[in-house]
């Protein structure tokens, strides 16, 4: 019984660690996108360069840029 409880606790901790790791990765990716959006908005970079660096099409990037300006 005790070992089952311990195993459940360990599984919960692993699930929590995984969720935190995924949230951190998502946050880093969002920060990267917002940085490129801001640099394009300031005319430091082109949409073409930023979209290439982010691995998306220019149209996809410009759609994000349009939403970013709202």
PDB file of N, CA and C in Angstrom:
ATOM      1  N   UNK A   1       0.827  -1.190   0.000  1.00  0.00           N
ATOM      2  CA  UNK A   1       0.000   0.000   0.000  1.00  0.00           C
ATOM      3  C   UNK A   1       0.870   1.252   0.000  1.00  0.00           C
ATOM      4  N   UNK A   2       1.858   1.266   0.905  1.00  0.00           N
ATOM      5  CA  UNK A   2       2.738   2.426   0.977  1.00  0.00           C
ATOM      6  C   UNK A   2       3.493   2.622  -0.333  1.00  0.00           C
ATOM      7  N   UNK A   3       3.948   1.532  -0.931  1.00  0.00           N
ATOM      8  CA  UNK A   3       4.700   1.660  -2.180  1.00  0.00           C
ATOM      9  C   UNK A   3       3.811   2.165  -3.315  1.00  0.00           C
ATOM     10  N   UNK A   4       2.538   1.787  -3.305  1.00  0.00           N
ATOM     11  CA  UNK A   4       1.618   2.295  -4.327  1.00  0.00           C
ATOM     12  C   UNK A   4       1.414   3.795  -4.164  1.00  0.00           C
ATOM     13  N   UNK A   5       1.289   4.242  -2.929  1.00  0.00           N
ATOM     14  CA  UNK A   5       1.127   5.669  -2.656  1.00  0.00           C
ATOM     15  C   UNK A   5       2.374   6.424  -3.100  1.00  0.00           C
ATOM     16  N   UNK A   6       3.525   5.872  -2.781  1.00  0.00           N
ATOM     17  CA  UNK A   6       4.794   6.504  -3.170  1.00  0.00           C
ATOM     18  C   UNK A   6       4.907   6.568  -4.693  1.00  0.00           C
ATOM     19  N   UNK A   7       4.508   5.495  -5.371  1.00  0.00           N
ATOM     20  CA  UNK A   7       4.565   5.464  -6.825  1.00  0.00           C
ATOM     21  C   UNK A   7       3.635   6.525  -7.421  1.00  0.00           C
ATOM     22  N   UNK A   8       2.455   6.685  -6.849  1.00  0.00           N
ATOM     23  CA  UNK A   8       1.520   7.716  -7.329  1.00  0.00           C
ATOM     24  C   UNK A   8       2.096   9.110  -7.120  1.00  0.00           C
ATOM     25  N   UNK A   9       2.740   9.321  -5.980  1.00  0.00           N
ATOM     26  CA  UNK A   9       3.365  10.620  -5.710  1.00  0.00           C
ATOM     27  C   UNK A   9       4.468  10.911  -6.724  1.00  0.00           C
ATOM     28  N   UNK A  10       5.284   9.911  -7.010  1.00  0.00           N
ATOM     29  CA  UNK A  10       6.366  10.085  -7.978  1.00  0.00           C
ATOM     30  C   UNK A  10       5.819  10.372  -9.374  1.00  0.00           C
ATOM     31  N   UNK A  11       4.753   9.688  -9.753  1.00  0.00           N
ATOM     32  CA  UNK A  11       4.135   9.943 -11.056  1.00  0.00           C
ATOM     33  C   UNK A  11       3.573  11.359 -11.123  1.00  0.00           C
ATOM     34  N   UNK A  12       2.974  11.818 -10.031  1.00  0.00           N
ATOM     35  CA  UNK A  12       2.437  13.181  -9.994  1.00  0.00           C
ATOM     36  C   UNK A  12       3.562  14.204 -10.123  1.00  0.00           C
ATOM     37  N   UNK A  13       4.676  13.961  -9.449  1.00  0.00           N
ATOM     38  CA  UNK A  13       5.820  14.869  -9.544  1.00  0.00           C
ATOM     39  C   UNK A  13       6.404  14.885 -10.953  1.00  0.00           C
ATOM     40  N   UNK A  14       6.484  13.730 -11.574  1.00  0.00           N
ATOM     41  CA  UNK A  14       6.980  13.666 -12.948  1.00  0.00           C
ATOM     42  C   UNK A  14       6.053  14.406 -13.900  1.00  0.00           C
ATOM     43  N   UNK A  15       4.756  14.245 -13.708  1.00  0.00           N
ATOM     44  CA  UNK A  15       3.783  14.950 -14.549  1.00  0.00           C
ATOM     45  C   UNK A  15       3.895  16.456 -14.351  1.00  0.00           C
ATOM     46  N   UNK A  16       4.094  16.881 -13.113  1.00  0.00           N
ATOM     47  CA  UNK A  16       4.249  18.307 -12.826  1.00  0.00           C
ATOM     48  C   UNK A  16       5.524  18.850 -13.470  1.00  0.00           C
ATOM     49  N   UNK A  17       6.618  18.125 -13.358  1.00  0.00           N
ATOM     50  CA  UNK A  17       7.876  18.543 -13.985  1.00  0.00           C
ATOM     51  C   UNK A  17       7.721  18.670 -15.492  1.00  0.00           C
ATOM     52  N   UNK A  18       7.046  17.705 -16.091  1.00  0.00           N
ATOM     53  CA  UNK A  18       6.824  17.737 -17.539  1.00  0.00           C
ATOM     54  C   UNK A  18       5.983  18.951 -17.928  1.00  0.00           C
ATOM     55  N   UNK A  19       4.927  19.216 -17.167  1.00  0.00           N
ATOM     56  CA  UNK A  19       4.061  20.362 -17.463  1.00  0.00           C
ATOM     57  C   UNK A  19       4.835  21.671 -17.351  1.00  0.00           C
ATOM     58  N   UNK A  20       5.670  21.797 -16.334  1.00  0.00           N
ATOM     59  CA  UNK A  20       6.477  23.009 -16.174  1.00  0.00           C
ATOM     60  C   UNK A  20       7.477  23.171 -17.314  1.00  0.00           C
ATOM     61  N   UNK A  21       8.081  22.069 -17.722  1.00  0.00           N
ATOM     62  CA  UNK A  21       9.031  22.107 -18.832  1.00  0.00           C
ATOM     63  C   UNK A  21       8.344  22.545 -20.123  1.00  0.00           C
ATOM     64  N   UNK A  22       7.170  21.998 -20.374  1.00  0.00           N
ATOM     65  CA  UNK A  22       6.418  22.369 -21.575  1.00  0.00           C
ATOM     66  C   UNK A  22       6.003  23.838 -21.533  1.00  0.00           C
ATOM     67  N   UNK A  23       5.588  24.311 -20.374  1.00  0.00           N
ATOM     68  CA  UNK A  23       5.190  25.715 -20.232  1.00  0.00           C
ATOM     69  C   UNK A  23       6.381  26.637 -20.457  1.00  0.00           C
ATOM     70  N   UNK A  24       7.543  26.236 -19.944  1.00  0.00           N
ATOM     71  CA  UNK A  24       8.746  27.045 -20.129  1.00  0.00           C
ATOM     72  C   UNK A  24       9.123  27.113 -21.608  1.00  0.00           C
ATOM     73  N   UNK A  25       9.088  25.975 -22.294  1.00  0.00           N
ATOM     74  CA  UNK A  25       9.407  25.955 -23.720  1.00  0.00           C
ATOM     75  C   UNK A  25       8.435  26.819 -24.513  1.00  0.00           C
ATOM     76  N   UNK A  26       7.162  26.733 -24.185  1.00  0.00           N
ATOM     77  CA  UNK A  26       6.152  27.530 -24.880  1.00  0.00           C
ATOM     78  C   UNK A  26       6.383  29.018 -24.627  1.00  0.00           C
ATOM     79  N   UNK A  27       6.727  29.358 -23.398  1.00  0.00           N
ATOM     80  CA  UNK A  27       7.006  30.750 -23.061  1.00  0.00           C
ATOM     81  C   UNK A  27       8.221  31.287 -23.794  1.00  0.00           C
ATOM     82  N   UNK A  28       9.254  30.479 -23.903  1.00  0.00           N
ATOM     83  CA  UNK A  28      10.452  30.890 -24.633  1.00  0.00           C
ATOM     84  C   UNK A  28      10.141  31.098 -26.108  1.00  0.00           C
ATOM     85  N   UNK A  29       9.353  30.205 -26.675  1.00  0.00           N
ATOM     86  CA  UNK A  29       8.981  30.328 -28.091  1.00  0.00           C
ATOM     87  C   UNK A  29       8.151  31.589 -28.323  1.00  0.00           C
ATOM     88  N   UNK A  30       7.216  31.856 -27.434  1.00  0.00           N
ATOM     89  CA  UNK A  30       6.401  33.076 -27.563  1.00  0.00           C
ATOM     90  C   UNK A  30       7.274  34.320 -27.456  1.00  0.00           C
ATOM     91  N   UNK A  31       8.228  34.295 -26.534  1.00  0.00           N
ATOM     92  CA  UNK A  31       9.135  35.428 -26.383  1.00  0.00           C
ATOM     93  C   UNK A  31       9.962  35.654 -27.636  1.00  0.00           C
ATOM     94  N   UNK A  32      10.406  34.564 -28.241  1.00  0.00           N
ATOM     95  CA  UNK A  32      11.179  34.651 -29.481  1.00  0.00           C
ATOM     96  C   UNK A  32      10.332  35.277 -30.593  1.00  0.00           C
ATOM     97  N   UNK A  33       9.102  34.832 -30.712  1.00  0.00           N
ATOM     98  CA  UNK A  33       8.206  35.374 -31.745  1.00  0.00           C
ATOM     99  C   UNK A  33       7.951  36.855 -31.503  1.00  0.00           C
ATOM    100  N   UNK A  34       7.649  37.228 -30.256  1.00  0.00           N
ATOM    101  CA  UNK A  34       7.378  38.634 -29.954  1.00  0.00           C
ATOM    102  C   UNK A  34       8.600  39.511 -30.212  1.00  0.00           C
ATOM    103  N   UNK A  35       9.793  38.976 -29.975  1.00  0.00           N
ATOM    104  CA  UNK A  35      11.013  39.736 -30.255  1.00  0.00           C
ATOM    105  C   UNK A  35      11.121  40.026 -31.745  1.00  0.00           C
ATOM    106  N   UNK A  36      10.912  39.007 -32.575  1.00  0.00           N
ATOM    107  CA  UNK A  36      10.966  39.219 -34.025  1.00  0.00           C
ATOM    108  C   UNK A  36       9.866  40.169 -34.489  1.00  0.00           C
ATOM    109  N   UNK A  37       8.665  40.021 -33.933  1.00  0.00           N
ATOM    110  CA  UNK A  37       7.574  40.931 -34.297  1.00  0.00           C
ATOM    111  C   UNK A  37       7.948  42.376 -33.974  1.00  0.00           C
ATOM    112  N   UNK A  38       8.525  42.587 -32.820  1.00  0.00           N
ATOM    113  CA  UNK A  38       8.902  43.936 -32.411  1.00  0.00           C
ATOM    114  C   UNK A  38      10.014  44.496 -33.296  1.00  0.00           C
ATOM    115  N   UNK A  39      10.991  43.669 -33.641  1.00  0.00           N
ATOM    116  CA  UNK A  39      12.094  44.131 -34.490  1.00  0.00           C
ATOM    117  C   UNK A  39      11.618  44.468 -35.901  1.00  0.00           C
ATOM    118  N   UNK A  40      10.663  43.721 -36.405  1.00  0.00           N
ATOM    119  CA  UNK A  40      10.100  44.035 -37.725  1.00  0.00           C
ATOM    120  C   UNK A  40       9.269  45.311 -37.636  1.00  0.00           C
ATOM    121  N   UNK A  41       8.504  45.435 -36.578  1.00  0.00           N
ATOM    122  CA  UNK A  41       7.677  46.629 -36.389  1.00  0.00           C
ATOM    123  C   UNK A  41       8.540  47.897 -36.323  1.00  0.00           C
ATOM    124  N   UNK A  42       9.738  47.769 -35.749  1.00  0.00           N
ATOM    125  CA  UNK A  42      10.667  48.897 -35.646  1.00  0.00           C
ATOM    126  C   UNK A  42      11.515  49.086 -36.911  1.00  0.00           C
ATOM    127  N   UNK A  43      11.281  48.253 -37.915  1.00  0.00           N
ATOM    128  CA  UNK A  43      12.013  48.293 -39.187  1.00  0.00           C
ATOM    129  C   UNK A  43      13.494  47.952 -39.033  1.00  0.00           C
ATOM    130  N   UNK A  44      13.810  47.156 -38.024  1.00  0.00           N
ATOM    131  CA  UNK A  44      15.178  46.680 -37.830  1.00  0.00           C
ATOM    132  C   UNK A  44      15.415  45.444 -38.695  1.00  0.00           C
ATOM    133  N   UNK A  45      14.387  44.604 -38.820  1.00  0.00           N
ATOM    134  CA  UNK A  45      14.450  43.390 -39.637  1.00  0.00           C
ATOM    135  C   UNK A  45      13.304  43.396 -40.635  1.00  0.00           C
ATOM    136  N   UNK A  46      13.461  42.600 -41.676  1.00  0.00           N
ATOM    137  CA  UNK A  46      12.373  42.434 -42.644  1.00  0.00           C
ATOM    138  C   UNK A  46      11.498  41.253 -42.230  1.00  0.00           C
ATOM    139  N   UNK A  47      10.283  41.258 -42.712  1.00  0.00           N
ATOM    140  CA  UNK A  47       9.373  40.132 -42.464  1.00  0.00           C
ATOM    141  C   UNK A  47       9.941  38.852 -43.060  1.00  0.00           C
ATOM    142  N   UNK A  48      10.605  38.980 -44.196  1.00  0.00           N
ATOM    143  CA  UNK A  48      11.182  37.806 -44.856  1.00  0.00           C
ATOM    144  C   UNK A  48      12.238  37.150 -43.972  1.00  0.00           C
ATOM    145  N   UNK A  49      13.139  37.974 -43.416  1.00  0.00           N
ATOM    146  CA  UNK A  49      14.199  37.433 -42.566  1.00  0.00           C
ATOM    147  C   UNK A  49      13.611  36.818 -41.299  1.00  0.00           C
ATOM    148  N   UNK A  50      12.701  37.550 -40.656  1.00  0.00           N
ATOM    149  CA  UNK A  50      12.105  37.065 -39.409  1.00  0.00           C
ATOM    150  C   UNK A  50      11.344  35.763 -39.627  1.00  0.00           C
ATOM    151  N   UNK A  51      10.561  35.697 -40.688  1.00  0.00           N
ATOM    152  CA  UNK A  51       9.787  34.476 -40.938  1.00  0.00           C
ATOM    153  C   UNK A  51      10.701  33.291 -41.209  1.00  0.00           C
ATOM    154  N   UNK A  52      11.796  33.545 -41.911  1.00  0.00           N
ATOM    155  CA  UNK A  52      12.759  32.468 -42.181  1.00  0.00           C
ATOM    156  C   UNK A  52      13.368  31.959 -40.876  1.00  0.00           C
ATOM    157  N   UNK A  53      13.732  32.869 -39.992  1.00  0.00           N
ATOM    158  CA  UNK A  53      14.330  32.486 -38.714  1.00  0.00           C
ATOM    159  C   UNK A  53      13.354  31.706 -37.836  1.00  0.00           C
ATOM    160  N   UNK A  54      12.083  32.014 -37.971  1.00  0.00           N
ATOM    161  CA  UNK A  54      11.060  31.340 -37.168  1.00  0.00           C
ATOM    162  C   UNK A  54      10.514  30.078 -37.827  1.00  0.00           C
ATOM    163  N   UNK A  55      10.937  29.813 -39.060  1.00  0.00           N
ATOM    164  CA  UNK A  55      10.487  28.605 -39.749  1.00  0.00           C
ATOM    165  C   UNK A  55       9.040  28.661 -40.184  1.00  0.00           C
ATOM    166  N   UNK A  56       8.607  29.848 -40.615  1.00  0.00           N
ATOM    167  CA  UNK A  56       7.235  29.990 -41.098  1.00  0.00           C
ATOM    168  C   UNK A  56       7.245  30.785 -42.385  1.00  0.00           C
ATOM    169  N   UNK A  57       6.115  30.814 -43.052  1.00  0.00           N
ATOM    170  CA  UNK A  57       6.033  31.583 -44.290  1.00  0.00           C
ATOM    171  C   UNK A  57       5.904  33.067 -43.949  1.00  0.00           C
ATOM    172  N   UNK A  58       6.191  33.897 -44.948  1.00  0.00           N
ATOM    173  CA  UNK A  58       6.047  35.340 -44.770  1.00  0.00           C
ATOM    174  C   UNK A  58       4.587  35.675 -44.463  1.00  0.00           C
ATOM    175  N   UNK A  59       3.662  35.005 -45.146  1.00  0.00           N
ATOM    176  CA  UNK A  59       2.233  35.252 -44.915  1.00  0.00           C
ATOM    177  C   UNK A  59       1.845  34.917 -43.475  1.00  0.00           C
ATOM    178  N   UNK A  60       2.348  33.808 -42.953  1.00  0.00           N
ATOM    179  CA  UNK A  60       2.058  33.441 -41.564  1.00  0.00           C
ATOM    180  C   UNK A  60       2.611  34.488 -40.601  1.00  0.00           C
ATOM    181  N   UNK A  61       3.848  34.919 -40.871  1.00  0.00           N
ATOM    182  CA  UNK A  61       4.462  35.919 -39.998  1.00  0.00           C
ATOM    183  C   UNK A  61       3.705  37.241 -40.061  1.00  0.00           C
ATOM    184  N   UNK A  62       3.340  37.662 -41.258  1.00  0.00           N
ATOM    185  CA  UNK A  62       2.637  38.935 -41.395  1.00  0.00           C
ATOM    186  C   UNK A  62       1.243  38.886 -40.772  1.00  0.00           C
ATOM    187  N   UNK A  63       0.624  37.708 -40.743  1.00  0.00           N
ATOM    188  CA  UNK A  63      -0.655  37.568 -40.038  1.00  0.00           C
ATOM    189  C   UNK A  63      -0.449  37.777 -38.539  1.00  0.00           C
ATOM    190  N   UNK A  64       0.641  37.232 -38.011  1.00  0.00           N
ATOM    191  CA  UNK A  64       0.960  37.466 -36.602  1.00  0.00           C
ATOM    192  C   UNK A  64       1.253  38.943 -36.356  1.00  0.00           C
ATOM    193  N   UNK A  65       1.974  39.550 -37.287  1.00  0.00           N
ATOM    194  CA  UNK A  65       2.319  40.963 -37.169  1.00  0.00           C
ATOM    195  C   UNK A  65       1.062  41.827 -37.153  1.00  0.00           C
ATOM    196  N   UNK A  66       0.113  41.472 -37.991  1.00  0.00           N
ATOM    197  CA  UNK A  66      -1.152  42.214 -38.047  1.00  0.00           C
ATOM    198  C   UNK A  66      -1.891  42.101 -36.709  1.00  0.00           C
ATOM    199  N   UNK A  67      -1.937  40.887 -36.150  1.00  0.00           N
ATOM    200  CA  UNK A  67      -2.585  40.683 -34.850  1.00  0.00           C
ATOM    201  C   UNK A  67      -1.823  41.388 -33.732  1.00  0.00           C
ATOM    202  N   UNK A  68      -0.501  41.460 -33.862  1.00  0.00           N
ATOM    203  CA  UNK A  68       0.360  42.075 -32.848  1.00  0.00           C
ATOM    204  C   UNK A  68       0.097  43.572 -32.746  1.00  0.00           C
ATOM    205  N   UNK A  69      -0.275  44.202 -33.834  1.00  0.00           N
ATOM    206  CA  UNK A  69      -0.518  45.645 -33.846  1.00  0.00           C
ATOM    207  C   UNK A  69      -1.841  46.030 -33.209  1.00  0.00           C
ATOM    208  N   UNK A  70      -2.722  45.072 -32.959  1.00  0.00           N
ATOM    209  CA  UNK A  70      -4.048  45.386 -32.397  1.00  0.00           C
ATOM    210  C   UNK A  70      -3.948  45.812 -30.954  1.00  0.00           C
TER     211      UNK A  70
END
